Each structure stands twice: as C-alpha cells, then as structure tokens.
Protein backbone atom coordinates (compact mmCIF):
# COMPACT_ATOMS: atom_id res chain seq x y z
CA UNK A 1 0.02 0.06 -0.07
CA UNK A 2 1.29 3.46 -0.88
CA UNK A 3 0.94 5.41 2.67
CA UNK A 4 2.20 8.53 1.15
CA UNK A 5 -0.71 8.54 -1.47
CA UNK A 6 -3.16 7.53 0.94
CA UNK A 7 -2.09 10.41 3.41
CA UNK A 8 -2.34 12.84 0.19
CA UNK A 9 -5.61 11.82 -0.61
CA UNK A 10 -6.95 12.02 2.80
CA UNK A 11 -5.47 15.11 4.31
CA UNK A 12 -8.12 17.47 2.58
CA UNK A 13 -10.73 15.53 4.13
CA UNK A 14 -9.39 15.47 7.64
CA UNK A 15 -8.52 19.04 7.46
CA UNK A 16 -12.22 19.76 6.50
CA UNK A 17 -13.02 17.83 9.56
CA UNK A 18 -11.21 19.91 11.83
CA UNK A 19 -11.10 22.71 10.16
CA UNK A 20 -8.33 24.55 11.80
CA UNK A 21 -7.50 26.92 8.84
CA UNK A 22 -8.97 30.36 8.47
CA UNK A 23 -12.45 30.11 6.94
CA UNK A 24 -12.57 33.81 5.74
CA UNK A 25 -12.47 32.72 1.85
CA UNK A 26 -14.82 33.33 -0.53
CA UNK A 27 -15.97 29.75 -0.87
CA UNK A 28 -17.59 29.99 2.36
CA UNK A 29 -19.71 32.91 1.89
CA UNK A 30 -22.66 31.05 1.38
CA UNK A 31 -22.19 29.32 4.47
CA UNK A 32 -21.69 32.40 6.54
CA UNK A 33 -24.79 33.98 5.01
CA UNK A 34 -26.87 30.70 5.58
CA UNK A 35 -25.59 30.27 9.44
CA UNK A 36 -26.09 34.39 9.90
CA UNK A 37 -29.88 34.27 8.89
CA UNK A 38 -30.36 31.10 10.94
CA UNK A 39 -28.87 32.55 14.13
CA UNK A 40 -30.72 35.69 13.31
CA UNK A 41 -33.86 33.86 13.37
CA UNK A 42 -32.71 32.00 16.44
CA UNK A 43 -32.09 35.65 18.40
CA UNK A 44 -35.84 36.36 17.21
CA UNK A 45 -37.41 33.70 18.70
CA UNK A 46 -34.80 33.77 21.88
CA UNK A 47 -35.90 37.26 22.50
CA UNK A 48 -39.53 37.10 21.85
CA UNK A 49 -40.26 33.99 23.12
CA UNK A 50 -37.54 32.52 25.45
CA UNK A 51 -37.29 29.55 23.39
CA UNK A 52 -35.63 28.59 19.88
CA UNK A 53 -37.69 26.23 17.37
CA UNK A 54 -36.67 22.90 16.72
CA UNK A 55 -37.85 23.33 12.86
CA UNK A 56 -35.23 26.19 12.82
CA UNK A 57 -32.34 24.05 13.99
CA UNK A 58 -33.50 21.02 11.56
CA UNK A 59 -33.23 23.60 8.80
CA UNK A 60 -29.73 24.45 10.08
CA UNK A 61 -28.90 20.81 10.27
CA UNK A 62 -30.09 20.27 6.70
CA UNK A 63 -28.34 23.18 5.04
CA UNK A 64 -24.99 22.63 7.10
CA UNK A 65 -24.97 19.04 5.89
CA UNK A 66 -25.61 20.18 2.19
CA UNK A 67 -23.18 23.01 2.37
CA UNK A 68 -20.72 20.97 3.79
CA UNK A 69 -20.91 18.10 1.32
CA UNK A 70 -21.09 20.77 -1.59
CA UNK A 71 -17.79 22.59 -0.38
CA UNK A 72 -15.85 19.07 0.25
CA UNK A 73 -16.04 18.46 -3.37
CA UNK A 74 -17.24 15.37 -5.45
CA UNK A 75 -14.90 12.97 -4.06
CA UNK A 76 -15.69 13.62 -0.49
CA UNK A 77 -19.60 14.97 -0.59
CA UNK A 78 -20.57 12.20 2.08
CA UNK A 79 -17.28 12.98 4.32
CA UNK A 80 -18.53 16.51 4.36
CA UNK A 81 -22.12 15.95 5.71
CA UNK A 82 -20.68 13.07 8.02
CA UNK A 83 -18.26 15.74 9.59
CA UNK A 84 -20.58 18.31 10.04
CA UNK A 85 -23.16 15.75 11.97
CA UNK A 86 -20.14 14.55 13.98
CA UNK A 87 -19.56 18.17 15.14
CA UNK A 88 -22.82 18.83 15.64
CA UNK A 89 -23.51 15.63 17.90
CA UNK A 90 -20.43 16.08 19.55
CA UNK A 91 -20.73 19.57 20.87
CA UNK A 92 -24.34 18.71 21.90
CA UNK A 93 -23.04 16.12 23.86
CA UNK A 94 -20.27 18.12 25.65
CA UNK A 95 -22.95 20.85 26.85
CA UNK A 96 -25.43 18.17 27.84
CA UNK A 97 -24.27 18.23 31.33
CA UNK A 98 -25.14 22.17 31.63
CA UNK A 99 -28.67 21.18 30.19
CA UNK A 100 -28.85 18.68 32.98
CA UNK A 101 -28.26 21.19 35.28
CA UNK A 102 -30.84 23.70 33.80
CA UNK A 103 -27.95 26.66 33.47
CA UNK A 104 -28.18 26.31 29.71
CA UNK A 105 -31.62 25.98 27.28
CA UNK A 106 -31.71 23.12 24.76
CA UNK A 107 -32.26 25.47 22.11
CA UNK A 108 -29.19 27.38 22.92
CA UNK A 109 -26.91 23.94 22.86
CA UNK A 110 -28.38 23.38 19.56
CA UNK A 111 -27.48 26.88 18.24
CA UNK A 112 -23.88 26.63 19.60
CA UNK A 113 -23.71 22.94 18.07
CA UNK A 114 -24.71 24.50 14.57
CA UNK A 115 -21.82 27.48 15.03
CA UNK A 116 -19.49 24.37 15.48
CA UNK A 117 -20.91 22.37 12.98
CA UNK A 118 -20.76 25.68 9.98
CA UNK A 119 -17.28 27.12 11.64
CA UNK A 120 -15.44 24.13 12.66
CA UNK A 121 -13.57 23.69 15.99
CA UNK A 122 -11.14 26.51 15.37
CA UNK A 123 -13.50 29.32 14.62
CA UNK A 124 -16.47 27.54 16.59
CA UNK A 125 -14.71 28.03 19.66
CA UNK A 126 -13.94 31.39 18.98
CA UNK A 127 -17.32 32.62 18.06
CA UNK A 128 -18.85 30.60 21.10
CA UNK A 129 -16.27 31.99 23.40
CA UNK A 130 -17.26 35.27 22.34
CA UNK A 131 -20.76 34.93 22.84
CA UNK A 132 -20.57 33.69 26.44
CA UNK A 133 -18.24 36.51 27.38
CA UNK A 134 -20.97 39.07 25.74
CA UNK A 135 -23.30 36.93 27.64
CA UNK A 136 -21.50 37.06 30.95
CA UNK A 137 -20.81 40.89 30.62
CA UNK A 138 -24.44 41.62 29.65
CA UNK A 139 -25.88 39.69 32.54
CA UNK A 140 -23.60 41.34 35.16
CA UNK A 141 -24.80 44.89 33.71
CA UNK A 142 -28.49 43.28 34.11
CA UNK A 143 -28.03 42.06 37.30
CA UNK A 144 -26.46 45.36 38.68
CA UNK A 145 -29.15 47.55 37.26
CA UNK A 146 -32.06 45.63 38.70
CA UNK A 147 -29.85 45.44 41.98
CA UNK A 148 -30.04 41.69 42.08
CA UNK A 149 -26.44 40.83 41.60
CA UNK A 150 -25.46 39.76 45.28
CA UNK A 151 -28.49 37.96 45.36
CA UNK A 152 -27.71 35.82 42.26
CA UNK A 153 -24.35 35.22 43.50
CA UNK A 154 -25.47 34.05 46.90
CA UNK A 155 -27.89 31.77 45.22
CA UNK A 156 -25.18 30.15 43.00
CA UNK A 157 -23.02 29.83 46.16
CA UNK A 158 -26.07 28.08 48.01
CA UNK A 159 -26.59 25.74 45.01
CA UNK A 160 -23.08 24.50 44.82
CA UNK A 161 -23.33 23.53 48.20
CA UNK A 162 -26.47 22.04 48.27
CA UNK A 163 -24.95 20.10 45.00
CA UNK A 164 -22.05 19.20 47.09
CA UNK A 165 -23.64 17.68 50.25
CA UNK A 166 -26.91 16.18 48.43
CA UNK A 167 -25.07 14.75 45.37
CA UNK A 168 -28.44 15.33 43.57
CA UNK A 169 -29.15 17.22 40.36
CA UNK A 170 -31.60 20.12 40.46
CA UNK A 171 -32.50 22.74 37.99
CA UNK A 172 -30.52 25.57 38.75
CA UNK A 173 -32.94 27.94 37.06
CA UNK A 174 -36.53 27.58 36.66
CA UNK A 175 -38.70 29.91 34.70
CA UNK A 176 -41.76 29.42 36.55
CA UNK A 177 -39.72 30.10 39.95
CA UNK A 178 -37.34 32.59 38.84
CA UNK A 179 -39.19 34.36 35.89
CA UNK A 180 -37.23 36.09 33.07
CA UNK A 181 -36.13 39.03 34.88
CA UNK A 182 -32.39 38.40 34.86
CA UNK A 183 -32.18 36.41 31.91
CA UNK A 184 -30.44 37.15 28.59
CA UNK A 185 -30.91 35.67 25.26
CA UNK A 186 -27.89 33.76 24.64
CA UNK A 187 -28.70 32.84 21.28
CA UNK A 188 -28.09 36.70 20.27
CA UNK A 189 -25.15 36.54 22.22
CA UNK A 190 -23.87 33.58 20.22
CA UNK A 191 -24.87 35.93 16.77
CA UNK A 192 -22.78 38.82 17.85
CA UNK A 193 -20.08 36.40 18.87
CA UNK A 194 -20.06 34.57 15.46
CA UNK A 195 -20.29 37.81 13.33
CA UNK A 196 -17.03 39.18 15.28
CA UNK A 197 -15.29 35.87 14.74
CA UNK A 198 -16.24 36.24 11.05
CA UNK A 199 -15.43 39.97 10.54
CA UNK A 200 -12.17 39.69 12.71
CA UNK A 201 -10.60 36.46 12.66
C-alpha cells in the first residue's frame, strides 16, 4: 500500500473535518450567510419567546449537511456531511451536562452545536467563547441595574453547596420559579460572537 499517496488523498478530508485553517474565504460566503440567517432567526425567537424552535434547528442542520458536502467536493461529499453531523452531535453531548443542571437551554445548545458545525472547531470555539463573554458582561450589567447581583451570586453559591452535600442534580434555573427578569438571550449573544469571529478572525 502506498501510504504517502493515501495520506495526500486523505489530508484534505481531515483538514475539512477539523477546519483549523481560516474560514474567511470566498468559498465560505454562502455558509456564513446561511448561518447568519439561522442565528438571526434564532435570536428573534429567543428574545421574543425565550425559546428556539426545533424546526429552525433542523433547517440549519439540513443546510449545513448540504453545504458541507458541496464544499468538500465530489470525491468527499458524503464525508463533508458526516463531519458536519459529527461536530454537531459531539458539541451537543459536551454541553448536555449544563442542560441537566438547567444552566443553559436545550435550544441554546443546538445553536452552539450549529456554530461548530458550520465554522469548525477553531473558529467555532472563538465564536462561542465570544458569545459567552458577551453574555456574561450583559448578565452582570443587567443584574447590577436591577440590584439583584448579590442575590444571584448568593443563590449560585447555595446551589453549589447543596449539590455537593446532596449529590442530587436539581434545576439551577426554573422559569416558573425565577421568571425572566435576569435572563439574557444567549442565542443573540452567540450571533454577536459569530459575527465578530467572521469579521475579525
């Protein structure tokens, strides 16, 4: 077996999977536009209804599979779609623990997984990290303005102590109990983080 030939043929496929190179090229404009509209629509529902419809996520996944296969080329169409799905499900699994604690919504996790699916691990990490930083700053300002920052920090410490002592997973946040006064639309924060990543990185 010619290992050198096999390596040369497989290298573009695995490079497409990990996508550690810059994505700011003309070939990716369509992907950026599609992702932008998916995230913008998700932000609209997140702000207005505090939820992100599953049908929107499914549209994003279907478009991502198609565009990833198209980008990979004729010889790797199937691999492009498979790699997109693998990134989507891997990120969903990694963030699922936060959902169990109700520290993040299921819709937010799907949006984050879509970002990684479209942008790859490198730029996806930058976009999501930027989104979380924007969300943290927004949340801190909101709690300070509403005068509930100390109360929320105290509640968080109490929750952690209870979790350690009881070793039982309980919901950190409940809309019925806590309302939406100190809730930020994380989907919108992810949209901003993605735009900053695409424009500046």
